[in-house]
N, C-alpha and C. Protein backbone atom coordinates (compact mmCIF):
# COMPACT_ATOMS: atom_id res chain seq x y z
N MET A 1 0.82 -1.20 -0.01
CA MET A 1 -0.01 0.01 0.01
C MET A 1 0.87 1.26 0.01
N GLU A 2 2.00 1.19 0.69
CA GLU A 2 2.87 2.34 0.77
C GLU A 2 3.47 2.67 -0.61
N GLN A 3 3.73 1.65 -1.41
CA GLN A 3 4.26 1.86 -2.75
C GLN A 3 3.24 2.60 -3.63
N ARG A 4 1.97 2.29 -3.47
CA ARG A 4 0.90 2.97 -4.25
C ARG A 4 0.84 4.45 -3.90
N LYS A 5 0.96 4.76 -2.61
CA LYS A 5 0.94 6.17 -2.19
C LYS A 5 2.14 6.91 -2.77
N MET A 6 3.31 6.26 -2.70
CA MET A 6 4.51 6.88 -3.22
C MET A 6 4.41 7.10 -4.74
N LEU A 7 3.86 6.13 -5.43
CA LEU A 7 3.66 6.24 -6.88
C LEU A 7 2.68 7.37 -7.21
N GLY A 8 1.63 7.48 -6.43
CA GLY A 8 0.64 8.54 -6.62
C GLY A 8 1.26 9.92 -6.41
N VAL A 9 2.07 10.05 -5.37
CA VAL A 9 2.73 11.33 -5.10
C VAL A 9 3.71 11.67 -6.25
N LEU A 10 4.47 10.71 -6.72
CA LEU A 10 5.36 10.94 -7.85
C LEU A 10 4.62 11.31 -9.09
N LEU A 11 3.49 10.72 -9.33
CA LEU A 11 2.68 11.04 -10.50
C LEU A 11 2.17 12.47 -10.43
N VAL A 12 1.66 12.88 -9.29
CA VAL A 12 1.14 14.23 -9.13
C VAL A 12 2.27 15.26 -9.27
N LEU A 13 3.43 14.98 -8.69
CA LEU A 13 4.55 15.89 -8.80
C LEU A 13 5.04 15.99 -10.25
N SER A 14 5.04 14.86 -10.93
CA SER A 14 5.46 14.88 -12.34
C SER A 14 4.51 15.71 -13.19
N LEU A 15 3.24 15.58 -12.95
CA LEU A 15 2.24 16.34 -13.70
C LEU A 15 2.38 17.84 -13.42
N LEU A 16 2.62 18.20 -12.18
CA LEU A 16 2.82 19.61 -11.84
C LEU A 16 4.08 20.17 -12.50
N LEU A 17 5.14 19.36 -12.51
CA LEU A 17 6.38 19.79 -13.16
C LEU A 17 6.16 19.98 -14.66
N LEU A 18 5.48 19.05 -15.29
CA LEU A 18 5.22 19.15 -16.74
C LEU A 18 4.35 20.35 -17.06
N SER A 19 3.36 20.61 -16.23
CA SER A 19 2.42 21.69 -16.55
C SER A 19 3.02 23.07 -16.30
N SER A 20 4.11 23.15 -15.55
CA SER A 20 4.70 24.43 -15.27
C SER A 20 5.42 25.04 -16.47
N CYS A 21 5.79 24.23 -17.44
CA CYS A 21 6.49 24.77 -18.60
C CYS A 21 5.82 24.33 -19.92
N MET A 22 4.51 24.27 -19.91
CA MET A 22 3.76 23.98 -21.12
C MET A 22 3.61 25.24 -21.96
N PRO A 23 3.47 25.06 -23.26
CA PRO A 23 3.29 26.24 -24.13
C PRO A 23 2.02 26.99 -23.78
N GLY A 24 2.09 28.31 -23.85
CA GLY A 24 0.92 29.14 -23.61
C GLY A 24 0.66 29.47 -22.17
N SER A 25 1.49 28.95 -21.25
CA SER A 25 1.28 29.27 -19.84
C SER A 25 1.77 30.69 -19.52
N ILE A 26 1.30 31.24 -18.45
CA ILE A 26 1.67 32.61 -18.07
C ILE A 26 3.17 32.72 -17.81
N ALA A 27 3.77 31.67 -17.23
CA ALA A 27 5.21 31.70 -16.95
C ALA A 27 6.01 31.82 -18.25
N MET A 28 5.56 31.17 -19.30
CA MET A 28 6.27 31.23 -20.59
C MET A 28 6.15 32.64 -21.18
N GLN A 29 5.02 33.29 -21.03
CA GLN A 29 4.81 34.57 -21.64
C GLN A 29 5.57 35.69 -20.94
N GLN A 30 5.89 35.49 -19.67
CA GLN A 30 6.60 36.52 -18.90
C GLN A 30 8.10 36.45 -19.10
N ARG A 31 8.61 35.30 -19.55
CA ARG A 31 10.02 35.17 -19.80
C ARG A 31 10.35 35.57 -21.23
N ALA A 32 11.61 35.39 -21.58
CA ALA A 32 12.04 35.65 -22.97
C ALA A 32 11.37 34.65 -23.91
N PRO A 33 11.31 34.96 -25.18
CA PRO A 33 10.67 34.02 -26.13
C PRO A 33 11.34 32.65 -26.10
N ALA A 34 10.52 31.62 -26.32
CA ALA A 34 11.02 30.25 -26.29
C ALA A 34 11.98 30.01 -27.44
N GLY A 35 13.06 29.33 -27.15
CA GLY A 35 14.09 29.07 -28.17
C GLY A 35 14.12 27.60 -28.58
N PHE A 36 15.28 27.19 -29.08
CA PHE A 36 15.48 25.85 -29.62
C PHE A 36 15.15 24.75 -28.61
N PHE A 37 15.72 24.85 -27.41
CA PHE A 37 15.54 23.78 -26.42
C PHE A 37 14.11 23.72 -25.89
N MET A 38 13.47 24.85 -25.78
CA MET A 38 12.06 24.84 -25.40
C MET A 38 11.21 24.25 -26.51
N GLY A 39 11.62 24.47 -27.75
CA GLY A 39 10.94 23.84 -28.88
C GLY A 39 11.00 22.34 -28.80
N ILE A 40 12.17 21.81 -28.45
CA ILE A 40 12.32 20.37 -28.27
C ILE A 40 11.42 19.89 -27.14
N TRP A 41 11.46 20.59 -26.03
CA TRP A 41 10.62 20.21 -24.88
C TRP A 41 9.14 20.22 -25.23
N HIS A 42 8.72 21.29 -25.87
CA HIS A 42 7.28 21.39 -26.23
C HIS A 42 6.88 20.34 -27.27
N GLY A 43 7.79 19.93 -28.12
CA GLY A 43 7.51 18.85 -29.05
C GLY A 43 7.33 17.52 -28.34
N TRP A 44 8.20 17.29 -27.33
CA TRP A 44 8.11 16.03 -26.57
C TRP A 44 6.82 15.95 -25.76
N ILE A 45 6.39 17.07 -25.17
CA ILE A 45 5.20 17.05 -24.31
C ILE A 45 3.92 17.43 -25.06
N ALA A 46 3.98 17.50 -26.38
CA ALA A 46 2.80 17.87 -27.16
C ALA A 46 1.57 16.99 -26.87
N PRO A 47 1.73 15.66 -26.77
CA PRO A 47 0.53 14.85 -26.45
C PRO A 47 -0.06 15.18 -25.07
N ILE A 48 0.83 15.46 -24.12
CA ILE A 48 0.37 15.81 -22.76
C ILE A 48 -0.31 17.17 -22.79
N SER A 49 0.26 18.10 -23.59
CA SER A 49 -0.35 19.45 -23.71
C SER A 49 -1.74 19.35 -24.34
N LEU A 50 -1.89 18.46 -25.29
CA LEU A 50 -3.19 18.28 -25.93
C LEU A 50 -4.26 17.84 -24.93
N VAL A 51 -3.91 16.88 -24.09
CA VAL A 51 -4.85 16.41 -23.04
C VAL A 51 -5.10 17.52 -22.02
N ALA A 52 -4.03 18.21 -21.61
CA ALA A 52 -4.16 19.26 -20.61
C ALA A 52 -5.05 20.41 -21.09
N ARG A 53 -5.04 20.62 -22.41
CA ARG A 53 -5.87 21.69 -22.99
C ARG A 53 -7.36 21.43 -22.79
N LEU A 54 -7.73 20.17 -22.64
CA LEU A 54 -9.14 19.85 -22.37
C LEU A 54 -9.61 20.44 -21.06
N PHE A 55 -8.69 20.56 -20.09
CA PHE A 55 -9.03 21.03 -18.76
C PHE A 55 -8.66 22.50 -18.52
N GLU A 56 -7.65 23.00 -19.26
CA GLU A 56 -7.20 24.36 -19.09
C GLU A 56 -7.03 25.01 -20.46
N PRO A 57 -7.98 25.84 -20.88
CA PRO A 57 -7.95 26.38 -22.22
C PRO A 57 -6.81 27.34 -22.53
N THR A 58 -6.07 27.80 -21.53
CA THR A 58 -4.94 28.71 -21.80
C THR A 58 -3.72 27.96 -22.25
N ILE A 59 -3.66 26.65 -22.07
CA ILE A 59 -2.51 25.87 -22.46
C ILE A 59 -2.59 25.59 -23.97
N ARG A 60 -1.49 25.77 -24.62
CA ARG A 60 -1.42 25.53 -26.06
C ARG A 60 -0.49 24.34 -26.34
N ILE A 61 -0.49 23.86 -27.56
CA ILE A 61 0.43 22.81 -27.96
C ILE A 61 1.72 23.44 -28.48
N TYR A 62 1.64 24.62 -29.03
CA TYR A 62 2.74 25.33 -29.65
C TYR A 62 2.86 26.71 -29.04
N GLU A 63 4.06 27.12 -28.64
CA GLU A 63 4.26 28.41 -28.00
C GLU A 63 4.33 29.51 -29.07
N VAL A 64 3.40 30.43 -29.02
CA VAL A 64 3.37 31.50 -30.01
C VAL A 64 4.43 32.58 -29.74
N HIS A 65 4.89 32.71 -28.51
CA HIS A 65 5.94 33.64 -28.15
C HIS A 65 7.27 32.91 -28.25
N ASN A 66 7.76 32.74 -29.48
CA ASN A 66 9.01 31.99 -29.66
C ASN A 66 10.01 32.79 -30.45
N SER A 67 11.21 32.24 -30.58
CA SER A 67 12.31 32.93 -31.24
C SER A 67 12.33 32.73 -32.75
N GLY A 68 11.35 32.05 -33.26
CA GLY A 68 11.25 31.90 -34.73
C GLY A 68 11.73 30.56 -35.22
N TRP A 69 12.64 30.60 -36.19
CA TRP A 69 13.09 29.40 -36.89
C TRP A 69 13.67 28.35 -35.96
N TRP A 70 14.49 28.76 -34.99
CA TRP A 70 15.14 27.79 -34.10
C TRP A 70 14.10 27.05 -33.25
N TYR A 71 13.11 27.77 -32.75
CA TYR A 71 12.06 27.09 -32.00
C TYR A 71 11.33 26.10 -32.87
N ASP A 72 10.96 26.54 -34.06
CA ASP A 72 10.26 25.65 -34.99
C ASP A 72 11.08 24.41 -35.32
N PHE A 73 12.38 24.60 -35.53
CA PHE A 73 13.27 23.46 -35.82
C PHE A 73 13.31 22.47 -34.67
N GLY A 74 13.47 22.96 -33.43
CA GLY A 74 13.49 22.08 -32.24
C GLY A 74 12.16 21.38 -32.06
N TYR A 75 11.07 22.09 -32.24
CA TYR A 75 9.74 21.51 -32.09
C TYR A 75 9.51 20.40 -33.10
N TYR A 76 9.85 20.69 -34.36
CA TYR A 76 9.66 19.73 -35.43
C TYR A 76 10.55 18.50 -35.21
N MET A 77 11.79 18.72 -34.79
CA MET A 77 12.70 17.60 -34.53
C MET A 77 12.14 16.67 -33.45
N ALA A 78 11.59 17.25 -32.39
CA ALA A 78 11.04 16.46 -31.28
C ALA A 78 9.78 15.72 -31.70
N ILE A 79 8.93 16.36 -32.48
CA ILE A 79 7.71 15.72 -32.96
C ILE A 79 8.06 14.54 -33.87
N ILE A 80 8.99 14.73 -34.75
CA ILE A 80 9.39 13.67 -35.69
C ILE A 80 10.04 12.50 -34.95
N SER A 81 10.95 12.79 -34.04
CA SER A 81 11.65 11.70 -33.34
C SER A 81 10.82 11.04 -32.29
N GLY A 82 10.00 11.76 -31.55
CA GLY A 82 9.08 11.22 -30.57
C GLY A 82 9.57 10.12 -29.68
N PHE A 83 10.52 10.41 -28.82
CA PHE A 83 11.08 9.46 -27.86
C PHE A 83 11.59 8.20 -28.53
N GLY A 84 12.37 8.36 -29.58
CA GLY A 84 12.97 7.18 -30.25
C GLY A 84 12.04 6.54 -31.25
N GLY A 85 10.99 7.21 -31.66
CA GLY A 85 10.01 6.64 -32.59
C GLY A 85 10.63 6.25 -33.92
N LEU A 86 11.60 7.01 -34.37
CA LEU A 86 12.23 6.71 -35.66
C LEU A 86 13.02 5.39 -35.57
N SER A 87 13.74 5.19 -34.50
CA SER A 87 14.51 3.94 -34.36
C SER A 87 13.59 2.75 -34.24
N LEU A 88 12.43 2.90 -33.60
CA LEU A 88 11.49 1.79 -33.49
C LEU A 88 10.91 1.45 -34.84
N ALA A 89 10.65 2.46 -35.65
CA ALA A 89 10.10 2.24 -36.99
C ALA A 89 11.11 1.55 -37.87
N ARG A 90 12.37 1.87 -37.72
CA ARG A 90 13.40 1.25 -38.56
C ARG A 90 13.60 -0.21 -38.22
N LYS A 91 13.44 -0.59 -36.98
CA LYS A 91 13.61 -1.99 -36.59
C LYS A 91 12.59 -2.88 -37.27
N GLY A 92 11.40 -2.38 -37.50
CA GLY A 92 10.37 -3.17 -38.12
C GLY A 92 10.54 -3.34 -39.62
N THR A 93 11.37 -2.52 -40.26
CA THR A 93 11.54 -2.59 -41.71
C THR A 93 12.91 -3.11 -42.11
N ARG A 94 13.57 -3.86 -41.26
CA ARG A 94 14.87 -4.40 -41.55
C ARG A 94 14.74 -5.50 -42.61
N HIS A 95 15.61 -5.45 -43.61
CA HIS A 95 15.61 -6.48 -44.66
C HIS A 95 16.87 -7.31 -44.58
N GLU A 96 16.75 -8.58 -44.73
CA GLU A 96 17.89 -9.48 -44.79
C GLU A 96 18.21 -9.73 -46.24
N GLY A 97 19.29 -9.17 -46.74
CA GLY A 97 19.60 -9.20 -48.17
C GLY A 97 20.01 -10.56 -48.69
N ASN A 98 20.93 -11.25 -48.06
CA ASN A 98 21.47 -12.49 -48.63
C ASN A 98 20.93 -13.73 -47.94
N ASP A 99 19.77 -13.67 -47.39
CA ASP A 99 19.19 -14.82 -46.68
C ASP A 99 18.23 -15.55 -47.63
N LYS A 100 18.74 -16.61 -48.26
CA LYS A 100 17.93 -17.36 -49.22
C LYS A 100 17.52 -18.69 -48.58
N HIS A 101 16.24 -19.02 -48.70
CA HIS A 101 15.73 -20.29 -48.18
C HIS A 101 15.34 -21.17 -49.35
N CYS A 102 15.91 -22.36 -49.41
CA CYS A 102 15.60 -23.29 -50.51
C CYS A 102 15.01 -24.58 -50.01
C-alpha cells in the first residue's frame, strides 16, 4: 500500500512539473521568447499538452511567443523523433539481403 501512495505522489509531482512549462502558460509569456531547447521540450510534451488543454484552455500545444526558426526546428525535430520513434520504426523494416531459403 505504501508503494501505491509513493507512486501517486510521484505522478502528481510529475504532472505539476510538466504543466509548469507547457506552451501558452503565463510563466512562458513573462520570460524571454522560447528558443530551440524549449521547442524540443514542447515537441516532446505535445501529447500531454493536448490532453491538458481539455481542462485548461490557456494551455497551447505550440508556443506563439518563440524565437522563430530555431524554436520551430526544435519543435519539429522532437515531434518527428518522438522518444525514439524513428529507431523503433526502422527496426520493423529491416531487410535481410542475402538470406535465401531453398
